[in-house]
Amino acid sequence: MAEVDRLTRVNELLKREIATILEKRLLERGNAFVLLSVTEVNTSVDLRNATVYISIFGNDNAMKHKLMNEVEKSRIQIQKDIAKNLKFKHTPVLNFKLDTRLERGDMVLELLNKSEEETEN
């Protein structure tokens, strides 16, 4: 049980730190109008690897993939920033994934609303 609590704390720490780092990097590169959110971080039990889920709102797919490529290219520097700021014994190797769950949820809600309107008419 203590291991789960520890992983939860590590995941939240990483989530906040990565979000801060990414926000700073986006502002430096002139992408201030991009709404990017770190939605989840899943760290392995040995703390050697972490999967970081990122949602990017309001852009087309080409722009999302371009931003994800930029994030992936910055991975090593982000890991160095985490090592410097959080002082973990081992900084996890980050694996970034585009999180589309919120978009899919919005589409489902939109379809349900459309279906309700058609049923009422």
C-alpha atoms as a PDB file:
ATOM      1  CA  MET A   1       0.000   0.000   0.000  1.00  0.00           C
ATOM      2  CA  ALA A   2       2.862   2.390   0.799  1.00  0.00           C
ATOM      3  CA  GLU A   3       4.327   1.681  -2.657  1.00  0.00           C
ATOM      4  CA  VAL A   4       1.075   2.821  -4.307  1.00  0.00           C
ATOM      5  CA  ASP A   5       1.041   6.030  -2.252  1.00  0.00           C
ATOM      6  CA  ARG A   6       4.658   6.684  -3.184  1.00  0.00           C
ATOM      7  CA  LEU A   7       3.970   6.155  -6.890  1.00  0.00           C
ATOM      8  CA  THR A   8       0.927   8.423  -6.702  1.00  0.00           C
ATOM      9  CA  ARG A   9       3.026  11.190  -5.138  1.00  0.00           C
ATOM     10  CA  VAL A  10       5.820  10.720  -7.689  1.00  0.00           C
ATOM     11  CA  ASN A  11       3.296  10.797 -10.562  1.00  0.00           C
ATOM     12  CA  GLU A  12       1.758  14.035  -9.277  1.00  0.00           C
ATOM     13  CA  LEU A  13       5.163  15.647  -8.726  1.00  0.00           C
ATOM     14  CA  LEU A  14       6.244  14.711 -12.232  1.00  0.00           C
ATOM     15  CA  LYS A  15       2.946  15.878 -13.695  1.00  0.00           C
ATOM     16  CA  ARG A  16       3.275  19.349 -12.145  1.00  0.00           C
ATOM     17  CA  GLU A  17       6.965  19.690 -12.965  1.00  0.00           C
ATOM     18  CA  ILE A  18       6.579  18.579 -16.587  1.00  0.00           C
ATOM     19  CA  ALA A  19       3.593  20.905 -17.060  1.00  0.00           C
ATOM     20  CA  THR A  20       5.647  23.831 -15.750  1.00  0.00           C
ATOM     21  CA  ILE A  21       8.620  22.962 -17.964  1.00  0.00           C
ATOM     22  CA  LEU A  22       6.441  22.545 -21.078  1.00  0.00           C
ATOM     23  CA  GLU A  23       4.614  25.815 -20.434  1.00  0.00           C
ATOM     24  CA  LYS A  24       7.941  27.632 -20.157  1.00  0.00           C
ATOM     25  CA  ARG A  25       9.239  25.997 -23.359  1.00  0.00           C
ATOM     26  CA  LEU A  26       6.071  26.884 -25.289  1.00  0.00           C
ATOM     27  CA  LEU A  27       6.327  30.516 -24.225  1.00  0.00           C
ATOM     28  CA  GLU A  28      10.011  30.634 -25.200  1.00  0.00           C
ATOM     29  CA  ARG A  29       9.193  29.312 -28.665  1.00  0.00           C
ATOM     30  CA  GLY A  30       6.321  31.717 -29.247  1.00  0.00           C
ATOM     31  CA  ASN A  31       3.560  29.128 -28.826  1.00  0.00           C
ATOM     32  CA  ALA A  32       1.783  31.128 -26.130  1.00  0.00           C
ATOM     33  CA  PHE A  33      -1.626  30.503 -27.690  1.00  0.00           C
ATOM     34  CA  VAL A  34      -1.444  26.722 -27.419  1.00  0.00           C
ATOM     35  CA  LEU A  35      -3.458  25.102 -24.665  1.00  0.00           C
ATOM     36  CA  LEU A  36      -1.440  22.097 -23.593  1.00  0.00           C
ATOM     37  CA  SER A  37      -2.155  20.002 -20.543  1.00  0.00           C
ATOM     38  CA  VAL A  38      -0.315  17.131 -18.894  1.00  0.00           C
ATOM     39  CA  THR A  39      -3.287  14.926 -18.098  1.00  0.00           C
ATOM     40  CA  GLU A  40      -1.567  11.946 -16.535  1.00  0.00           C
ATOM     41  CA  VAL A  41       1.817  10.470 -15.661  1.00  0.00           C
ATOM     42  CA  ASN A  42       2.323   6.755 -15.067  1.00  0.00           C
ATOM     43  CA  THR A  43       5.668   5.862 -13.540  1.00  0.00           C
ATOM     44  CA  SER A  44       6.997   2.319 -13.412  1.00  0.00           C
ATOM     45  CA  VAL A  45       7.408   0.747  -9.979  1.00  0.00           C
ATOM     46  CA  ASP A  46      11.207   0.972 -10.220  1.00  0.00           C
ATOM     47  CA  LEU A  47      10.894   4.706 -11.147  1.00  0.00           C
ATOM     48  CA  ARG A  48      13.062   4.180 -14.243  1.00  0.00           C
ATOM     49  CA  ASN A  49      10.375   4.970 -16.856  1.00  0.00           C
ATOM     50  CA  ALA A  50       7.337   7.221 -17.029  1.00  0.00           C
ATOM     51  CA  THR A  51       4.629   7.624 -19.634  1.00  0.00           C
ATOM     52  CA  VAL A  52       3.404  11.217 -19.892  1.00  0.00           C
ATOM     53  CA  TYR A  53      -0.011  11.836 -21.459  1.00  0.00           C
ATOM     54  CA  ILE A  54      -0.478  15.258 -23.033  1.00  0.00           C
ATOM     55  CA  SER A  55      -3.667  16.863 -24.354  1.00  0.00           C
ATOM     56  CA  ILE A  56      -3.414  19.677 -26.867  1.00  0.00           C
ATOM     57  CA  PHE A  57      -6.590  21.681 -27.352  1.00  0.00           C
ATOM     58  CA  GLY A  58      -7.876  23.790 -30.204  1.00  0.00           C
ATOM     59  CA  ASN A  59      -5.453  22.863 -32.955  1.00  0.00           C
ATOM     60  CA  ASP A  60      -5.677  20.660 -36.012  1.00  0.00           C
ATOM     61  CA  ASN A  61      -4.029  17.239 -36.045  1.00  0.00           C
ATOM     62  CA  ALA A  62      -0.995  18.418 -38.012  1.00  0.00           C
ATOM     63  CA  MET A  63      -0.254  21.084 -35.402  1.00  0.00           C
ATOM     64  CA  LYS A  64      -0.751  18.593 -32.560  1.00  0.00           C
ATOM     65  CA  HIS A  65       1.723  16.169 -34.100  1.00  0.00           C
ATOM     66  CA  LYS A  66       4.191  18.999 -34.736  1.00  0.00           C
ATOM     67  CA  LEU A  67       3.975  20.030 -31.064  1.00  0.00           C
ATOM     68  CA  MET A  68       4.349  16.419 -29.911  1.00  0.00           C
ATOM     69  CA  ASN A  69       7.481  16.123 -32.078  1.00  0.00           C
ATOM     70  CA  GLU A  70       8.866  19.276 -30.438  1.00  0.00           C
ATOM     71  CA  VAL A  71       8.134  17.826 -27.003  1.00  0.00           C
ATOM     72  CA  GLU A  72       9.800  14.538 -27.944  1.00  0.00           C
ATOM     73  CA  LYS A  73      12.876  16.370 -29.253  1.00  0.00           C
ATOM     74  CA  SER A  74      13.064  18.209 -25.895  1.00  0.00           C
ATOM     75  CA  ARG A  75      12.765  14.984 -23.882  1.00  0.00           C
ATOM     76  CA  ILE A  76      16.385  14.834 -22.726  1.00  0.00           C
ATOM     77  CA  GLN A  77      16.417  18.478 -21.657  1.00  0.00           C
ATOM     78  CA  ILE A  78      13.099  18.005 -19.839  1.00  0.00           C
ATOM     79  CA  GLN A  79      14.593  15.020 -17.998  1.00  0.00           C
ATOM     80  CA  LYS A  80      17.644  17.123 -17.063  1.00  0.00           C
ATOM     81  CA  ASP A  81      15.354  19.883 -15.732  1.00  0.00           C
ATOM     82  CA  ILE A  82      13.423  17.321 -13.692  1.00  0.00           C
ATOM     83  CA  ALA A  83      16.665  15.882 -12.280  1.00  0.00           C
ATOM     84  CA  LYS A  84      17.820  19.363 -11.294  1.00  0.00           C
ATOM     85  CA  ASN A  85      14.510  20.476  -9.786  1.00  0.00           C
ATOM     86  CA  LEU A  86      13.213  17.315  -8.096  1.00  0.00           C
ATOM     87  CA  LYS A  87      16.490  15.631  -7.083  1.00  0.00           C
ATOM     88  CA  PHE A  88      15.256  12.054  -7.529  1.00  0.00           C
ATOM     89  CA  LYS A  89      17.797   9.276  -7.110  1.00  0.00           C
ATOM     90  CA  HIS A  90      16.897   8.154 -10.648  1.00  0.00           C
ATOM     91  CA  THR A  91      15.148  10.440 -13.097  1.00  0.00           C
ATOM     92  CA  PRO A  92      12.707   8.381 -15.147  1.00  0.00           C
ATOM     93  CA  VAL A  93      13.055   8.127 -18.914  1.00  0.00           C
ATOM     94  CA  LEU A  94      10.019   9.960 -20.268  1.00  0.00           C
ATOM     95  CA  ASN A  95       7.786   8.613 -23.003  1.00  0.00           C
ATOM     96  CA  PHE A  96       5.288  11.187 -24.305  1.00  0.00           C
ATOM     97  CA  LYS A  97       1.895  10.205 -25.725  1.00  0.00           C
ATOM     98  CA  LEU A  98      -0.856  12.363 -27.171  1.00  0.00           C
ATOM     99  CA  ASP A  99      -3.956  11.996 -24.989  1.00  0.00           C
ATOM    100  CA  THR A 100      -7.163  12.207 -27.015  1.00  0.00           C
ATOM    101  CA  ARG A 101      -9.553  10.969 -24.310  1.00  0.00           C
ATOM    102  CA  LEU A 102     -10.998  14.426 -23.640  1.00  0.00           C
ATOM    103  CA  GLU A 103     -11.630  15.050 -27.333  1.00  0.00           C
ATOM    104  CA  ARG A 104     -13.291  11.664 -27.731  1.00  0.00           C
ATOM    105  CA  GLY A 105     -15.435  12.391 -24.679  1.00  0.00           C
ATOM    106  CA  ASP A 106     -16.495  15.708 -26.202  1.00  0.00           C
ATOM    107  CA  MET A 107     -17.419  13.950 -29.457  1.00  0.00           C
ATOM    108  CA  VAL A 108     -19.521  11.381 -27.586  1.00  0.00           C
ATOM    109  CA  LEU A 109     -21.337  14.152 -25.696  1.00  0.00           C
ATOM    110  CA  GLU A 110     -21.930  16.011 -28.947  1.00  0.00           C
ATOM    111  CA  LEU A 111     -23.380  12.874 -30.548  1.00  0.00           C
ATOM    112  CA  LEU A 112     -25.615  12.259 -27.527  1.00  0.00           C
ATOM    113  CA  ASN A 113     -26.882  15.842 -27.618  1.00  0.00           C
ATOM    114  CA  LYS A 114     -27.538  15.587 -31.358  1.00  0.00           C
ATOM    115  CA  SER A 115     -29.373  12.303 -30.812  1.00  0.00           C
ATOM    116  CA  GLU A 116     -31.527  13.859 -28.067  1.00  0.00           C
ATOM    117  CA  GLU A 117     -32.413  16.804 -30.314  1.00  0.00           C
ATOM    118  CA  GLU A 118     -33.395  14.440 -33.141  1.00  0.00           C
ATOM    119  CA  THR A 119     -35.491  12.354 -30.763  1.00  0.00           C
ATOM    120  CA  GLU A 120     -37.307  15.466 -29.510  1.00  0.00           C
ATOM    121  CA  ASN A 121     -38.081  16.581 -33.068  1.00  0.00           C
END
